[in-house]
Amino acid sequence: MKQLILLSCCLFFALNSSAQQHLNKTISINIKEKRLKDALIIIGDKGDFKFSYNSKILPKDSVVSIYAQNKKVLSVL
């Protein structure tokens, strides 16, 4: 399921030429037990972009923890 989510996010960004800049931006993030919906908002804020996704595909209420220090957005996803 994680691979499907990652693939969906990557494909969305790959289809948008300006998205490459966002995927290659380096961010640092420390998210502990937050809903996926909130985590994506935080990642978007750090990367200076907004996510658009189908909430029927991505389980937005899933709880995630993410720690990344000086990593590209693509790696964080």
PDB file of N, CA and C in Angstrom:
ATOM      1  N   MET A   1       0.820  -1.192   0.000  1.00  0.00           N
ATOM      2  CA  MET A   1       0.000   0.000   0.000  1.00  0.00           C
ATOM      3  C   MET A   1       0.868   1.261   0.000  1.00  0.00           C
ATOM      4  N   LYS A   2       1.984   1.230   0.765  1.00  0.00           N
ATOM      5  CA  LYS A   2       2.873   2.387   0.804  1.00  0.00           C
ATOM      6  C   LYS A   2       3.438   2.678  -0.578  1.00  0.00           C
ATOM      7  N   GLN A   3       3.769   1.593  -1.320  1.00  0.00           N
ATOM      8  CA  GLN A   3       4.319   1.777  -2.656  1.00  0.00           C
ATOM      9  C   GLN A   3       3.291   2.433  -3.573  1.00  0.00           C
ATOM     10  N   LEU A   4       2.024   2.058  -3.429  1.00  0.00           N
ATOM     11  CA  LEU A   4       0.960   2.645  -4.242  1.00  0.00           C
ATOM     12  C   LEU A   4       0.820   4.135  -3.945  1.00  0.00           C
ATOM     13  N   ILE A   5       0.892   4.484  -2.682  1.00  0.00           N
ATOM     14  CA  ILE A   5       0.793   5.889  -2.296  1.00  0.00           C
ATOM     15  C   ILE A   5       1.975   6.671  -2.860  1.00  0.00           C
ATOM     16  N   LEU A   6       3.165   6.141  -2.680  1.00  0.00           N
ATOM     17  CA  LEU A   6       4.360   6.815  -3.181  1.00  0.00           C
ATOM     18  C   LEU A   6       4.310   6.947  -4.693  1.00  0.00           C
ATOM     19  N   LEU A   7       3.918   5.870  -5.368  1.00  0.00           N
ATOM     20  CA  LEU A   7       3.827   5.901  -6.826  1.00  0.00           C
ATOM     21  C   LEU A   7       2.810   6.923  -7.287  1.00  0.00           C
ATOM     22  N   SER A   8       1.667   6.986  -6.614  1.00  0.00           N
ATOM     23  CA  SER A   8       0.631   7.949  -6.976  1.00  0.00           C
ATOM     24  C   SER A   8       1.150   9.374  -6.836  1.00  0.00           C
ATOM     25  N   CYS A   9       1.828   9.643  -5.744  1.00  0.00           N
ATOM     26  CA  CYS A   9       2.369  10.985  -5.524  1.00  0.00           C
ATOM     27  C   CYS A   9       3.433  11.328  -6.559  1.00  0.00           C
ATOM     28  N   CYS A  10       4.316  10.381  -6.819  1.00  0.00           N
ATOM     29  CA  CYS A  10       5.393  10.614  -7.782  1.00  0.00           C
ATOM     30  C   CYS A  10       4.851  10.823  -9.186  1.00  0.00           C
ATOM     31  N   LEU A  11       3.877  10.027  -9.578  1.00  0.00           N
ATOM     32  CA  LEU A  11       3.297  10.188 -10.907  1.00  0.00           C
ATOM     33  C   LEU A  11       2.606  11.534 -11.053  1.00  0.00           C
ATOM     34  N   PHE A  12       1.923  11.945 -10.015  1.00  0.00           N
ATOM     35  CA  PHE A  12       1.267  13.250 -10.060  1.00  0.00           C
ATOM     36  C   PHE A  12       2.294  14.349 -10.315  1.00  0.00           C
ATOM     37  N   PHE A  13       3.387  14.306  -9.583  1.00  0.00           N
ATOM     38  CA  PHE A  13       4.413  15.326  -9.738  1.00  0.00           C
ATOM     39  C   PHE A  13       5.159  15.195 -11.060  1.00  0.00           C
ATOM     40  N   ALA A  14       5.374  13.980 -11.511  1.00  0.00           N
ATOM     41  CA  ALA A  14       6.105  13.773 -12.761  1.00  0.00           C
ATOM     42  C   ALA A  14       5.347  14.360 -13.950  1.00  0.00           C
ATOM     43  N   LEU A  15       4.040  14.383 -13.877  1.00  0.00           N
ATOM     44  CA  LEU A  15       3.230  14.906 -14.968  1.00  0.00           C
ATOM     45  C   LEU A  15       3.243  16.423 -15.032  1.00  0.00           C
ATOM     46  N   ASN A  16       3.688  17.037 -13.984  1.00  0.00           N
ATOM     47  CA  ASN A  16       3.721  18.494 -13.925  1.00  0.00           C
ATOM     48  C   ASN A  16       5.169  18.949 -13.989  1.00  0.00           C
ATOM     49  N   SER A  17       5.554  19.639 -15.067  1.00  0.00           N
ATOM     50  CA  SER A  17       6.960  19.983 -15.266  1.00  0.00           C
ATOM     51  C   SER A  17       7.529  20.859 -14.162  1.00  0.00           C
ATOM     52  N   SER A  18       6.748  21.767 -13.630  1.00  0.00           N
ATOM     53  CA  SER A  18       7.265  22.627 -12.561  1.00  0.00           C
ATOM     54  C   SER A  18       7.424  21.858 -11.254  1.00  0.00           C
ATOM     55  N   ALA A  19       6.797  20.708 -11.166  1.00  0.00           N
ATOM     56  CA  ALA A  19       6.866  19.913  -9.943  1.00  0.00           C
ATOM     57  C   ALA A  19       8.274  19.386  -9.694  1.00  0.00           C
ATOM     58  N   GLN A  20       9.070  19.241 -10.745  1.00  0.00           N
ATOM     59  CA  GLN A  20      10.435  18.738 -10.568  1.00  0.00           C
ATOM     60  C   GLN A  20      11.222  19.624  -9.605  1.00  0.00           C
ATOM     61  N   GLN A  21      10.985  20.908  -9.671  1.00  0.00           N
ATOM     62  CA  GLN A  21      11.668  21.823  -8.758  1.00  0.00           C
ATOM     63  C   GLN A  21      11.274  21.516  -7.316  1.00  0.00           C
ATOM     64  N   HIS A  22      10.005  21.223  -7.105  1.00  0.00           N
ATOM     65  CA  HIS A  22       9.528  20.929  -5.757  1.00  0.00           C
ATOM     66  C   HIS A  22      10.064  19.592  -5.258  1.00  0.00           C
ATOM     67  N   LEU A  23      10.108  18.597  -6.118  1.00  0.00           N
ATOM     68  CA  LEU A  23      10.594  17.271  -5.721  1.00  0.00           C
ATOM     69  C   LEU A  23      12.066  17.302  -5.353  1.00  0.00           C
ATOM     70  N   ASN A  24      12.828  18.198  -5.953  1.00  0.00           N
ATOM     71  CA  ASN A  24      14.265  18.276  -5.697  1.00  0.00           C
ATOM     72  C   ASN A  24      14.635  19.257  -4.589  1.00  0.00           C
ATOM     73  N   LYS A  25      13.646  19.934  -4.053  1.00  0.00           N
ATOM     74  CA  LYS A  25      13.924  20.874  -2.964  1.00  0.00           C
ATOM     75  C   LYS A  25      14.317  20.104  -1.709  1.00  0.00           C
ATOM     76  N   THR A  26      15.321  20.587  -1.005  1.00  0.00           N
ATOM     77  CA  THR A  26      15.801  19.958   0.222  1.00  0.00           C
ATOM     78  C   THR A  26      15.036  20.525   1.413  1.00  0.00           C
ATOM     79  N   ILE A  27      14.509  19.607   2.229  1.00  0.00           N
ATOM     80  CA  ILE A  27      13.773  20.017   3.434  1.00  0.00           C
ATOM     81  C   ILE A  27      14.233  19.180   4.623  1.00  0.00           C
ATOM     82  N   SER A  28      13.954  19.674   5.795  1.00  0.00           N
ATOM     83  CA  SER A  28      14.142  18.921   7.037  1.00  0.00           C
ATOM     84  C   SER A  28      12.794  18.889   7.737  1.00  0.00           C
ATOM     85  N   ILE A  29      12.433  17.722   8.259  1.00  0.00           N
ATOM     86  CA  ILE A  29      11.096  17.566   8.823  1.00  0.00           C
ATOM     87  C   ILE A  29      11.118  16.538   9.944  1.00  0.00           C
ATOM     88  N   ASN A  30      10.314  16.772  10.961  1.00  0.00           N
ATOM     89  CA  ASN A  30      10.182  15.826  12.066  1.00  0.00           C
ATOM     90  C   ASN A  30       8.698  15.759  12.441  1.00  0.00           C
ATOM     91  N   ILE A  31       8.036  14.748  11.931  1.00  0.00           N
ATOM     92  CA  ILE A  31       6.603  14.566  12.162  1.00  0.00           C
ATOM     93  C   ILE A  31       6.424  13.318  13.012  1.00  0.00           C
ATOM     94  N   LYS A  32       5.748  13.461  14.128  1.00  0.00           N
ATOM     95  CA  LYS A  32       5.521  12.326  15.021  1.00  0.00           C
ATOM     96  C   LYS A  32       4.028  12.076  15.170  1.00  0.00           C
ATOM     97  N   GLU A  33       3.607  10.917  14.731  1.00  0.00           N
ATOM     98  CA  GLU A  33       2.234  10.439  14.899  1.00  0.00           C
ATOM     99  C   GLU A  33       1.179  11.482  14.523  1.00  0.00           C
ATOM    100  N   LYS A  34       1.266  11.938  13.286  1.00  0.00           N
ATOM    101  CA  LYS A  34       0.276  12.874  12.743  1.00  0.00           C
ATOM    102  C   LYS A  34      -0.535  12.156  11.671  1.00  0.00           C
ATOM    103  N   ARG A  35      -1.749  12.654  11.433  1.00  0.00           N
ATOM    104  CA  ARG A  35      -2.548  12.111  10.347  1.00  0.00           C
ATOM    105  C   ARG A  35      -1.858  12.416   9.020  1.00  0.00           C
ATOM    106  N   LEU A  36      -1.996  11.504   8.061  1.00  0.00           N
ATOM    107  CA  LEU A  36      -1.375  11.681   6.754  1.00  0.00           C
ATOM    108  C   LEU A  36      -1.778  13.015   6.139  1.00  0.00           C
ATOM    109  N   LYS A  37      -3.032  13.363   6.268  1.00  0.00           N
ATOM    110  CA  LYS A  37      -3.535  14.639   5.747  1.00  0.00           C
ATOM    111  C   LYS A  37      -2.710  15.804   6.296  1.00  0.00           C
ATOM    112  N   ASP A  38      -2.456  15.804   7.593  1.00  0.00           N
ATOM    113  CA  ASP A  38      -1.688  16.876   8.225  1.00  0.00           C
ATOM    114  C   ASP A  38      -0.211  16.813   7.839  1.00  0.00           C
ATOM    115  N   ALA A  39       0.323  15.601   7.727  1.00  0.00           N
ATOM    116  CA  ALA A  39       1.727  15.434   7.333  1.00  0.00           C
ATOM    117  C   ALA A  39       1.961  15.990   5.929  1.00  0.00           C
ATOM    118  N   LEU A  40       1.036  15.736   5.011  1.00  0.00           N
ATOM    119  CA  LEU A  40       1.182  16.257   3.651  1.00  0.00           C
ATOM    120  C   LEU A  40       1.117  17.780   3.632  1.00  0.00           C
ATOM    121  N   ILE A  41       0.316  18.353   4.494  1.00  0.00           N
ATOM    122  CA  ILE A  41       0.260  19.819   4.590  1.00  0.00           C
ATOM    123  C   ILE A  41       1.594  20.365   5.081  1.00  0.00           C
ATOM    124  N   ILE A  42       2.180  19.722   6.086  1.00  0.00           N
ATOM    125  CA  ILE A  42       3.468  20.158   6.629  1.00  0.00           C
ATOM    126  C   ILE A  42       4.563  20.037   5.571  1.00  0.00           C
ATOM    127  N   ILE A  43       4.602  18.905   4.865  1.00  0.00           N
ATOM    128  CA  ILE A  43       5.599  18.704   3.804  1.00  0.00           C
ATOM    129  C   ILE A  43       5.419  19.763   2.719  1.00  0.00           C
ATOM    130  N   GLY A  44       4.180  20.015   2.338  1.00  0.00           N
ATOM    131  CA  GLY A  44       3.913  21.044   1.335  1.00  0.00           C
ATOM    132  C   GLY A  44       4.352  22.425   1.788  1.00  0.00           C
ATOM    133  N   ASP A  45       4.103  22.745   3.047  1.00  0.00           N
ATOM    134  CA  ASP A  45       4.540  24.045   3.583  1.00  0.00           C
ATOM    135  C   ASP A  45       6.060  24.166   3.541  1.00  0.00           C
ATOM    136  N   LYS A  46       6.746  23.101   3.937  1.00  0.00           N
ATOM    137  CA  LYS A  46       8.218  23.122   3.929  1.00  0.00           C
ATOM    138  C   LYS A  46       8.767  23.239   2.507  1.00  0.00           C
ATOM    139  N   GLY A  47       8.078  22.592   1.574  1.00  0.00           N
ATOM    140  CA  GLY A  47       8.539  22.600   0.184  1.00  0.00           C
ATOM    141  C   GLY A  47       7.965  23.742  -0.639  1.00  0.00           C
ATOM    142  N   ASP A  48       7.109  24.545  -0.024  1.00  0.00           N
ATOM    143  CA  ASP A  48       6.493  25.694  -0.676  1.00  0.00           C
ATOM    144  C   ASP A  48       5.601  25.278  -1.850  1.00  0.00           C
ATOM    145  N   PHE A  49       4.734  24.272  -1.612  1.00  0.00           N
ATOM    146  CA  PHE A  49       3.756  23.828  -2.595  1.00  0.00           C
ATOM    147  C   PHE A  49       2.575  23.213  -1.865  1.00  0.00           C
ATOM    148  N   LYS A  50       1.539  22.861  -2.604  1.00  0.00           N
ATOM    149  CA  LYS A  50       0.366  22.221  -2.011  1.00  0.00           C
ATOM    150  C   LYS A  50       0.090  20.916  -2.726  1.00  0.00           C
ATOM    151  N   PHE A  51      -0.342  19.921  -1.967  1.00  0.00           N
ATOM    152  CA  PHE A  51      -0.720  18.632  -2.532  1.00  0.00           C
ATOM    153  C   PHE A  51      -2.160  18.686  -3.023  1.00  0.00           C
ATOM    154  N   SER A  52      -2.399  17.963  -4.075  1.00  0.00           N
ATOM    155  CA  SER A  52      -3.754  17.715  -4.536  1.00  0.00           C
ATOM    156  C   SER A  52      -3.851  16.209  -4.713  1.00  0.00           C
ATOM    157  N   TYR A  53      -4.814  15.598  -4.040  1.00  0.00           N
ATOM    158  CA  TYR A  53      -4.921  14.146  -4.102  1.00  0.00           C
ATOM    159  C   TYR A  53      -6.366  13.718  -3.905  1.00  0.00           C
ATOM    160  N   ASN A  54      -6.633  12.504  -4.312  1.00  0.00           N
ATOM    161  CA  ASN A  54      -7.961  11.918  -4.161  1.00  0.00           C
ATOM    162  C   ASN A  54      -8.029  11.255  -2.795  1.00  0.00           C
ATOM    163  N   SER A  55      -8.854  11.783  -1.906  1.00  0.00           N
ATOM    164  CA  SER A  55      -8.933  11.255  -0.537  1.00  0.00           C
ATOM    165  C   SER A  55      -9.549   9.856  -0.486  1.00  0.00           C
ATOM    166  N   LYS A  56     -10.134   9.406  -1.578  1.00  0.00           N
ATOM    167  CA  LYS A  56     -10.652   8.040  -1.628  1.00  0.00           C
ATOM    168  C   LYS A  56      -9.524   7.029  -1.849  1.00  0.00           C
ATOM    169  N   ILE A  57      -8.411   7.493  -2.413  1.00  0.00           N
ATOM    170  CA  ILE A  57      -7.259   6.614  -2.673  1.00  0.00           C
ATOM    171  C   ILE A  57      -6.280   6.641  -1.501  1.00  0.00           C
ATOM    172  N   LEU A  58      -5.997   7.831  -0.998  1.00  0.00           N
ATOM    173  CA  LEU A  58      -5.062   7.981   0.109  1.00  0.00           C
ATOM    174  C   LEU A  58      -5.825   8.009   1.429  1.00  0.00           C
ATOM    175  N   PRO A  59      -5.481   7.121   2.358  1.00  0.00           N
ATOM    176  CA  PRO A  59      -6.169   7.084   3.657  1.00  0.00           C
ATOM    177  C   PRO A  59      -5.705   8.247   4.536  1.00  0.00           C
ATOM    178  N   LYS A  60      -6.341   9.406   4.392  1.00  0.00           N
ATOM    179  CA  LYS A  60      -5.874  10.633   5.026  1.00  0.00           C
ATOM    180  C   LYS A  60      -5.865  10.591   6.550  1.00  0.00           C
ATOM    181  N   ASP A  61      -6.586   9.630   7.141  1.00  0.00           N
ATOM    182  CA  ASP A  61      -6.606   9.529   8.598  1.00  0.00           C
ATOM    183  C   ASP A  61      -5.560   8.555   9.137  1.00  0.00           C
ATOM    184  N   SER A  62      -4.777   7.958   8.247  1.00  0.00           N
ATOM    185  CA  SER A  62      -3.685   7.093   8.697  1.00  0.00           C
ATOM    186  C   SER A  62      -2.690   7.929   9.488  1.00  0.00           C
ATOM    187  N   VAL A  63      -2.099   7.329  10.495  1.00  0.00           N
ATOM    188  CA  VAL A  63      -1.122   8.034  11.328  1.00  0.00           C
ATOM    189  C   VAL A  63       0.280   7.702  10.830  1.00  0.00           C
ATOM    190  N   VAL A  64       1.102   8.746  10.643  1.00  0.00           N
ATOM    191  CA  VAL A  64       2.460   8.566  10.134  1.00  0.00           C
ATOM    192  C   VAL A  64       3.456   9.308  11.024  1.00  0.00           C
ATOM    193  N   SER A  65       4.687   8.840  10.985  1.00  0.00           N
ATOM    194  CA  SER A  65       5.814   9.526  11.610  1.00  0.00           C
ATOM    195  C   SER A  65       6.915   9.603  10.564  1.00  0.00           C
ATOM    196  N   ILE A  66       7.485  10.779  10.403  1.00  0.00           N
ATOM    197  CA  ILE A  66       8.514  10.989   9.383  1.00  0.00           C
ATOM    198  C   ILE A  66       9.614  11.856   9.984  1.00  0.00           C
ATOM    199  N   TYR A  67      10.850  11.390   9.856  1.00  0.00           N
ATOM    200  CA  TYR A  67      12.000  12.207  10.234  1.00  0.00           C
ATOM    201  C   TYR A  67      12.930  12.246   9.037  1.00  0.00           C
ATOM    202  N   ALA A  68      13.262  13.437   8.604  1.00  0.00           N
ATOM    203  CA  ALA A  68      14.193  13.595   7.488  1.00  0.00           C
ATOM    204  C   ALA A  68      14.999  14.868   7.709  1.00  0.00           C
ATOM    205  N   GLN A  69      16.286  14.743   7.606  1.00  0.00           N
ATOM    206  CA  GLN A  69      17.186  15.878   7.788  1.00  0.00           C
ATOM    207  C   GLN A  69      17.902  16.142   6.470  1.00  0.00           C
ATOM    208  N   ASN A  70      17.652  17.315   5.886  1.00  0.00           N
ATOM    209  CA  ASN A  70      18.260  17.725   4.628  1.00  0.00           C
ATOM    210  C   ASN A  70      18.068  16.682   3.522  1.00  0.00           C
ATOM    211  N   LYS A  71      16.825  16.289   3.306  1.00  0.00           N
ATOM    212  CA  LYS A  71      16.469  15.317   2.271  1.00  0.00           C
ATOM    213  C   LYS A  71      15.599  15.991   1.218  1.00  0.00           C
ATOM    214  N   LYS A  72      15.661  15.476   0.001  1.00  0.00           N
ATOM    215  CA  LYS A  72      14.795  15.977  -1.062  1.00  0.00           C
ATOM    216  C   LYS A  72      13.362  15.534  -0.786  1.00  0.00           C
ATOM    217  N   VAL A  73      12.418  16.365  -1.223  1.00  0.00           N
ATOM    218  CA  VAL A  73      11.000  16.069  -1.019  1.00  0.00           C
ATOM    219  C   VAL A  73      10.672  14.675  -1.554  1.00  0.00           C
ATOM    220  N   LEU A  74      11.200  14.310  -2.702  1.00  0.00           N
ATOM    221  CA  LEU A  74      10.941  12.998  -3.270  1.00  0.00           C
ATOM    222  C   LEU A  74      11.339  11.887  -2.306  1.00  0.00           C
ATOM    223  N   SER A  75      12.448  12.029  -1.630  1.00  0.00           N
ATOM    224  CA  SER A  75      12.901  11.027  -0.656  1.00  0.00           C
ATOM    225  C   SER A  75      11.980  10.996   0.561  1.00  0.00           C
ATOM    226  N   VAL A  76      11.516  12.154   0.971  1.00  0.00           N
ATOM    227  CA  VAL A  76      10.619  12.223   2.131  1.00  0.00           C
ATOM    228  C   VAL A  76       9.308  11.519   1.825  1.00  0.00           C
ATOM    229  N   LEU A  77       8.802  11.704   0.608  1.00  0.00           N
ATOM    230  CA  LEU A  77       7.558  11.028   0.228  1.00  0.00           C
ATOM    231  C   LEU A  77       7.744   9.527   0.192  1.00  0.00           C
TER     232      LEU A  77
END
